[in-house]
Amino acid sequence: MQAISFILANALLFASLILVVGVPVLYMTQADPSNPRNGEIRKIEIIGGVWFHLVLANGAIAGLV
């Protein structure tokens, strides 16, 4: 169980790093800033969703450990 917690914690840290670095890069390199549903915004939303679910999984596993 500690191994799973370790993997989730590292995945959460990696996803946080991607969000901190990737979101400004994706936001500034938009092909069409006037379109709110362009590909870069969708990538930001996907990365944020993965991060949120990792936080939930990490909290659930940490409670069990």
PDB file of N, CA and C in Angstrom:
ATOM      1  N   MET A   1       0.821  -1.193   0.000  1.00  0.00           N
ATOM      2  CA  MET A   1       0.000   0.000   0.000  1.00  0.00           C
ATOM      3  C   MET A   1       0.865   1.258   0.000  1.00  0.00           C
ATOM      4  N   GLN A   2       2.001   1.174   0.673  1.00  0.00           N
ATOM      5  CA  GLN A   2       2.883   2.332   0.676  1.00  0.00           C
ATOM      6  C   GLN A   2       3.485   2.575  -0.708  1.00  0.00           C
ATOM      7  N   ALA A   3       3.691   1.496  -1.459  1.00  0.00           N
ATOM      8  CA  ALA A   3       4.224   1.663  -2.815  1.00  0.00           C
ATOM      9  C   ALA A   3       3.218   2.391  -3.697  1.00  0.00           C
ATOM     10  N   ILE A   4       1.946   2.049  -3.558  1.00  0.00           N
ATOM     11  CA  ILE A   4       0.910   2.734  -4.333  1.00  0.00           C
ATOM     12  C   ILE A   4       0.830   4.197  -3.926  1.00  0.00           C
ATOM     13  N   SER A   5       0.927   4.463  -2.626  1.00  0.00           N
ATOM     14  CA  SER A   5       0.914   5.840  -2.145  1.00  0.00           C
ATOM     15  C   SER A   5       2.117   6.613  -2.678  1.00  0.00           C
ATOM     16  N   PHE A   6       3.269   5.961  -2.701  1.00  0.00           N
ATOM     17  CA  PHE A   6       4.480   6.593  -3.223  1.00  0.00           C
ATOM     18  C   PHE A   6       4.318   6.942  -4.701  1.00  0.00           C
ATOM     19  N   ILE A   7       3.777   6.013  -5.483  1.00  0.00           N
ATOM     20  CA  ILE A   7       3.580   6.243  -6.914  1.00  0.00           C
ATOM     21  C   ILE A   7       2.578   7.373  -7.140  1.00  0.00           C
ATOM     22  N   LEU A   8       1.469   7.376  -6.394  1.00  0.00           N
ATOM     23  CA  LEU A   8       0.475   8.441  -6.547  1.00  0.00           C
ATOM     24  C   LEU A   8       1.028   9.799  -6.141  1.00  0.00           C
ATOM     25  N   ALA A   9       1.823   9.832  -5.073  1.00  0.00           N
ATOM     26  CA  ALA A   9       2.401  11.106  -4.637  1.00  0.00           C
ATOM     27  C   ALA A   9       3.358  11.649  -5.690  1.00  0.00           C
ATOM     28  N   ASN A  10       4.166  10.768  -6.279  1.00  0.00           N
ATOM     29  CA  ASN A  10       5.089  11.227  -7.324  1.00  0.00           C
ATOM     30  C   ASN A  10       4.348  11.627  -8.590  1.00  0.00           C
ATOM     31  N   ALA A  11       3.282  10.911  -8.921  1.00  0.00           N
ATOM     32  CA  ALA A  11       2.480  11.297 -10.083  1.00  0.00           C
ATOM     33  C   ALA A  11       1.833  12.659  -9.859  1.00  0.00           C
ATOM     34  N   LEU A  12       1.384  12.909  -8.633  1.00  0.00           N
ATOM     35  CA  LEU A  12       0.788  14.204  -8.309  1.00  0.00           C
ATOM     36  C   LEU A  12       1.813  15.326  -8.418  1.00  0.00           C
ATOM     37  N   LEU A  13       3.017  15.089  -7.940  1.00  0.00           N
ATOM     38  CA  LEU A  13       4.061  16.106  -8.058  1.00  0.00           C
ATOM     39  C   LEU A  13       4.417  16.361  -9.518  1.00  0.00           C
ATOM     40  N   PHE A  14       4.491  15.301 -10.323  1.00  0.00           N
ATOM     41  CA  PHE A  14       4.806  15.464 -11.733  1.00  0.00           C
ATOM     42  C   PHE A  14       3.695  16.214 -12.463  1.00  0.00           C
ATOM     43  N   ALA A  15       2.444  15.882 -12.160  1.00  0.00           N
ATOM     44  CA  ALA A  15       1.320  16.587 -12.785  1.00  0.00           C
ATOM     45  C   ALA A  15       1.307  18.052 -12.367  1.00  0.00           C
ATOM     46  N   SER A  16       1.662  18.335 -11.118  1.00  0.00           N
ATOM     47  CA  SER A  16       1.726  19.725 -10.659  1.00  0.00           C
ATOM     48  C   SER A  16       2.807  20.493 -11.408  1.00  0.00           C
ATOM     49  N   LEU A  17       3.937  19.848 -11.638  1.00  0.00           N
ATOM     50  CA  LEU A  17       5.011  20.483 -12.397  1.00  0.00           C
ATOM     51  C   LEU A  17       4.568  20.773 -13.824  1.00  0.00           C
ATOM     52  N   ILE A  18       3.882  19.814 -14.435  1.00  0.00           N
ATOM     53  CA  ILE A  18       3.383  20.021 -15.795  1.00  0.00           C
ATOM     54  C   ILE A  18       2.392  21.182 -15.825  1.00  0.00           C
ATOM     55  N   LEU A  19       1.531  21.273 -14.815  1.00  0.00           N
ATOM     56  CA  LEU A  19       0.575  22.376 -14.774  1.00  0.00           C
ATOM     57  C   LEU A  19       1.267  23.716 -14.611  1.00  0.00           C
ATOM     58  N   VAL A  20       2.242  23.779 -13.724  1.00  0.00           N
ATOM     59  CA  VAL A  20       2.922  25.054 -13.454  1.00  0.00           C
ATOM     60  C   VAL A  20       3.692  25.535 -14.678  1.00  0.00           C
ATOM     61  N   VAL A  21       4.317  24.618 -15.399  1.00  0.00           N
ATOM     62  CA  VAL A  21       5.104  25.004 -16.568  1.00  0.00           C
ATOM     63  C   VAL A  21       4.250  25.005 -17.836  1.00  0.00           C
ATOM     64  N   GLY A  22       3.386  24.008 -17.977  1.00  0.00           N
ATOM     65  CA  GLY A  22       2.666  23.820 -19.226  1.00  0.00           C
ATOM     66  C   GLY A  22       1.530  24.784 -19.474  1.00  0.00           C
ATOM     67  N   VAL A  23       0.808  25.160 -18.433  1.00  0.00           N
ATOM     68  CA  VAL A  23      -0.352  26.030 -18.632  1.00  0.00           C
ATOM     69  C   VAL A  23       0.048  27.382 -19.217  1.00  0.00           C
ATOM     70  N   PRO A  24       1.039  28.079 -18.675  1.00  0.00           N
ATOM     71  CA  PRO A  24       1.414  29.351 -19.313  1.00  0.00           C
ATOM     72  C   PRO A  24       1.924  29.172 -20.744  1.00  0.00           C
ATOM     73  N   VAL A  25       2.668  28.087 -20.981  1.00  0.00           N
ATOM     74  CA  VAL A  25       3.189  27.851 -22.332  1.00  0.00           C
ATOM     75  C   VAL A  25       2.044  27.585 -23.295  1.00  0.00           C
ATOM     76  N   LEU A  26       1.117  26.712 -22.904  1.00  0.00           N
ATOM     77  CA  LEU A  26      -0.022  26.416 -23.774  1.00  0.00           C
ATOM     78  C   LEU A  26      -0.895  27.652 -23.979  1.00  0.00           C
ATOM     79  N   TYR A  27      -1.074  28.434 -22.915  1.00  0.00           N
ATOM     80  CA  TYR A  27      -1.916  29.617 -23.021  1.00  0.00           C
ATOM     81  C   TYR A  27      -1.297  30.662 -23.944  1.00  0.00           C
ATOM     82  N   MET A  28       0.012  30.825 -23.865  1.00  0.00           N
ATOM     83  CA  MET A  28       0.672  31.855 -24.675  1.00  0.00           C
ATOM     84  C   MET A  28       0.878  31.423 -26.119  1.00  0.00           C
ATOM     85  N   THR A  29       0.819  30.116 -26.407  1.00  0.00           N
ATOM     86  CA  THR A  29       1.059  29.646 -27.772  1.00  0.00           C
ATOM     87  C   THR A  29      -0.231  29.238 -28.475  1.00  0.00           C
ATOM     88  N   GLN A  30      -1.346  29.821 -28.073  1.00  0.00           N
ATOM     89  CA  GLN A  30      -2.616  29.505 -28.716  1.00  0.00           C
ATOM     90  C   GLN A  30      -2.605  29.952 -30.165  1.00  0.00           C
ATOM     91  N   ALA A  31      -3.155  29.110 -31.026  1.00  0.00           N
ATOM     92  CA  ALA A  31      -3.244  29.467 -32.437  1.00  0.00           C
ATOM     93  C   ALA A  31      -4.323  30.528 -32.660  1.00  0.00           C
ATOM     94  N   ASP A  32      -5.437  30.413 -31.912  1.00  0.00           N
ATOM     95  CA  ASP A  32      -6.556  31.343 -32.078  1.00  0.00           C
ATOM     96  C   ASP A  32      -7.074  31.734 -30.692  1.00  0.00           C
ATOM     97  N   PRO A  33      -6.541  32.800 -30.089  1.00  0.00           N
ATOM     98  CA  PRO A  33      -6.958  33.183 -28.738  1.00  0.00           C
ATOM     99  C   PRO A  33      -8.429  33.573 -28.616  1.00  0.00           C
ATOM    100  N   SER A  34      -9.068  33.942 -29.723  1.00  0.00           N
ATOM    101  CA  SER A  34     -10.469  34.350 -29.637  1.00  0.00           C
ATOM    102  C   SER A  34     -11.415  33.162 -29.487  1.00  0.00           C
ATOM    103  N   ASN A  35     -10.942  31.955 -29.808  1.00  0.00           N
ATOM    104  CA  ASN A  35     -11.766  30.754 -29.704  1.00  0.00           C
ATOM    105  C   ASN A  35     -11.549  30.115 -28.334  1.00  0.00           C
ATOM    106  N   PRO A  36     -12.575  30.105 -27.460  1.00  0.00           N
ATOM    107  CA  PRO A  36     -12.380  29.542 -26.118  1.00  0.00           C
ATOM    108  C   PRO A  36     -12.300  28.024 -26.101  1.00  0.00           C
ATOM    109  N   ARG A  37     -12.585  27.354 -27.195  1.00  0.00           N
ATOM    110  CA  ARG A  37     -12.561  25.890 -27.232  1.00  0.00           C
ATOM    111  C   ARG A  37     -11.473  25.375 -28.171  1.00  0.00           C
ATOM    112  N   ASN A  38     -10.344  26.070 -28.243  1.00  0.00           N
ATOM    113  CA  ASN A  38      -9.276  25.595 -29.111  1.00  0.00           C
ATOM    114  C   ASN A  38      -8.510  24.454 -28.441  1.00  0.00           C
ATOM    115  N   GLY A  39      -7.605  23.848 -29.183  1.00  0.00           N
ATOM    116  CA  GLY A  39      -6.897  22.661 -28.701  1.00  0.00           C
ATOM    117  C   GLY A  39      -6.053  22.892 -27.470  1.00  0.00           C
ATOM    118  N   GLU A  40      -5.438  24.049 -27.372  1.00  0.00           N
ATOM    119  CA  GLU A  40      -4.573  24.321 -26.220  1.00  0.00           C
ATOM    120  C   GLU A  40      -5.389  24.410 -24.928  1.00  0.00           C
ATOM    121  N   ILE A  41      -6.547  25.044 -24.990  1.00  0.00           N
ATOM    122  CA  ILE A  41      -7.401  25.151 -23.806  1.00  0.00           C
ATOM    123  C   ILE A  41      -7.900  23.770 -23.396  1.00  0.00           C
ATOM    124  N   ARG A  42      -8.215  22.930 -24.364  1.00  0.00           N
ATOM    125  CA  ARG A  42      -8.649  21.563 -24.046  1.00  0.00           C
ATOM    126  C   ARG A  42      -7.538  20.782 -23.369  1.00  0.00           C
ATOM    127  N   LYS A  43      -6.294  20.968 -23.816  1.00  0.00           N
ATOM    128  CA  LYS A  43      -5.164  20.295 -23.174  1.00  0.00           C
ATOM    129  C   LYS A  43      -5.019  20.763 -21.735  1.00  0.00           C
ATOM    130  N   ILE A  44      -5.181  22.055 -21.486  1.00  0.00           N
ATOM    131  CA  ILE A  44      -5.104  22.585 -20.125  1.00  0.00           C
ATOM    132  C   ILE A  44      -6.201  21.969 -19.262  1.00  0.00           C
ATOM    133  N   GLU A  45      -7.408  21.851 -19.802  1.00  0.00           N
ATOM    134  CA  GLU A  45      -8.515  21.260 -19.048  1.00  0.00           C
ATOM    135  C   GLU A  45      -8.261  19.786 -18.750  1.00  0.00           C
ATOM    136  N   ILE A  46      -7.689  19.060 -19.693  1.00  0.00           N
ATOM    137  CA  ILE A  46      -7.386  17.647 -19.477  1.00  0.00           C
ATOM    138  C   ILE A  46      -6.322  17.479 -18.403  1.00  0.00           C
ATOM    139  N   ILE A  47      -5.276  18.274 -18.472  1.00  0.00           N
ATOM    140  CA  ILE A  47      -4.210  18.194 -17.467  1.00  0.00           C
ATOM    141  C   ILE A  47      -4.766  18.544 -16.086  1.00  0.00           C
ATOM    142  N   GLY A  48      -5.629  19.565 -16.012  1.00  0.00           N
ATOM    143  CA  GLY A  48      -6.252  19.927 -14.735  1.00  0.00           C
ATOM    144  C   GLY A  48      -7.140  18.818 -14.203  1.00  0.00           C
ATOM    145  N   GLY A  49      -7.869  18.145 -15.071  1.00  0.00           N
ATOM    146  CA  GLY A  49      -8.717  17.032 -14.652  1.00  0.00           C
ATOM    147  C   GLY A  49      -7.905  15.862 -14.129  1.00  0.00           C
ATOM    148  N   VAL A  50      -6.802  15.548 -14.804  1.00  0.00           N
ATOM    149  CA  VAL A  50      -5.920  14.476 -14.325  1.00  0.00           C
ATOM    150  C   VAL A  50      -5.348  14.842 -12.965  1.00  0.00           C
ATOM    151  N   TRP A  51      -4.924  16.090 -12.805  1.00  0.00           N
ATOM    152  CA  TRP A  51      -4.365  16.534 -11.524  1.00  0.00           C
ATOM    153  C   TRP A  51      -5.407  16.410 -10.416  1.00  0.00           C
ATOM    154  N   PHE A  52      -6.639  16.828 -10.683  1.00  0.00           N
ATOM    155  CA  PHE A  52      -7.702  16.761  -9.684  1.00  0.00           C
ATOM    156  C   PHE A  52      -7.967  15.318  -9.264  1.00  0.00           C
ATOM    157  N   HIS A  53      -8.018  14.406 -10.208  1.00  0.00           N
ATOM    158  CA  HIS A  53      -8.262  13.011  -9.870  1.00  0.00           C
ATOM    159  C   HIS A  53      -7.076  12.391  -9.131  1.00  0.00           C
ATOM    160  N   LEU A  54      -5.877  12.831  -9.449  1.00  0.00           N
ATOM    161  CA  LEU A  54      -4.718  12.359  -8.680  1.00  0.00           C
ATOM    162  C   LEU A  54      -4.776  12.840  -7.234  1.00  0.00           C
ATOM    163  N   VAL A  55      -5.247  14.058  -7.021  1.00  0.00           N
ATOM    164  CA  VAL A  55      -5.412  14.564  -5.650  1.00  0.00           C
ATOM    165  C   VAL A  55      -6.417  13.710  -4.896  1.00  0.00           C
ATOM    166  N   LEU A  56      -7.544  13.381  -5.535  1.00  0.00           N
ATOM    167  CA  LEU A  56      -8.548  12.542  -4.888  1.00  0.00           C
ATOM    168  C   LEU A  56      -7.999  11.156  -4.578  1.00  0.00           C
ATOM    169  N   ALA A  57      -7.319  10.550  -5.543  1.00  0.00           N
ATOM    170  CA  ALA A  57      -6.753   9.205  -5.327  1.00  0.00           C
ATOM    171  C   ALA A  57      -5.691   9.230  -4.242  1.00  0.00           C
ATOM    172  N   ASN A  58      -4.864  10.274  -4.239  1.00  0.00           N
ATOM    173  CA  ASN A  58      -3.820  10.391  -3.231  1.00  0.00           C
ATOM    174  C   ASN A  58      -4.432  10.540  -1.829  1.00  0.00           C
ATOM    175  N   GLY A  59      -5.486  11.298  -1.713  1.00  0.00           N
ATOM    176  CA  GLY A  59      -6.144  11.453  -0.413  1.00  0.00           C
ATOM    177  C   GLY A  59      -6.772  10.155   0.055  1.00  0.00           C
ATOM    178  N   ALA A  60      -7.384   9.411  -0.849  1.00  0.00           N
ATOM    179  CA  ALA A  60      -8.004   8.144  -0.471  1.00  0.00           C
ATOM    180  C   ALA A  60      -6.953   7.116  -0.035  1.00  0.00           C
ATOM    181  N   ILE A  61      -5.880   7.017  -0.790  1.00  0.00           N
ATOM    182  CA  ILE A  61      -4.827   6.049  -0.442  1.00  0.00           C
ATOM    183  C   ILE A  61      -4.112   6.474   0.828  1.00  0.00           C
ATOM    184  N   ALA A  62      -3.870   7.759   0.988  1.00  0.00           N
ATOM    185  CA  ALA A  62      -3.175   8.237   2.201  1.00  0.00           C
ATOM    186  C   ALA A  62      -4.013   7.951   3.442  1.00  0.00           C
ATOM    187  N   GLY A  63      -5.332   8.026   3.313  1.00  0.00           N
ATOM    188  CA  GLY A  63      -6.193   7.705   4.444  1.00  0.00           C
ATOM    189  C   GLY A  63      -6.110   6.232   4.820  1.00  0.00           C
ATOM    190  N   LEU A  64      -5.913   5.384   3.857  1.00  0.00           N
ATOM    191  CA  LEU A  64      -5.802   3.953   4.125  1.00  0.00           C
ATOM    192  C   LEU A  64      -4.430   3.560   4.670  1.00  0.00           C
ATOM    193  N   VAL A  65      -3.403   4.292   4.253  1.00  0.00           N
ATOM    194  CA  VAL A  65      -2.039   3.977   4.697  1.00  0.00           C
ATOM    195  C   VAL A  65      -1.889   4.481   6.117  1.00  0.00           C
TER     196      VAL A  65
END
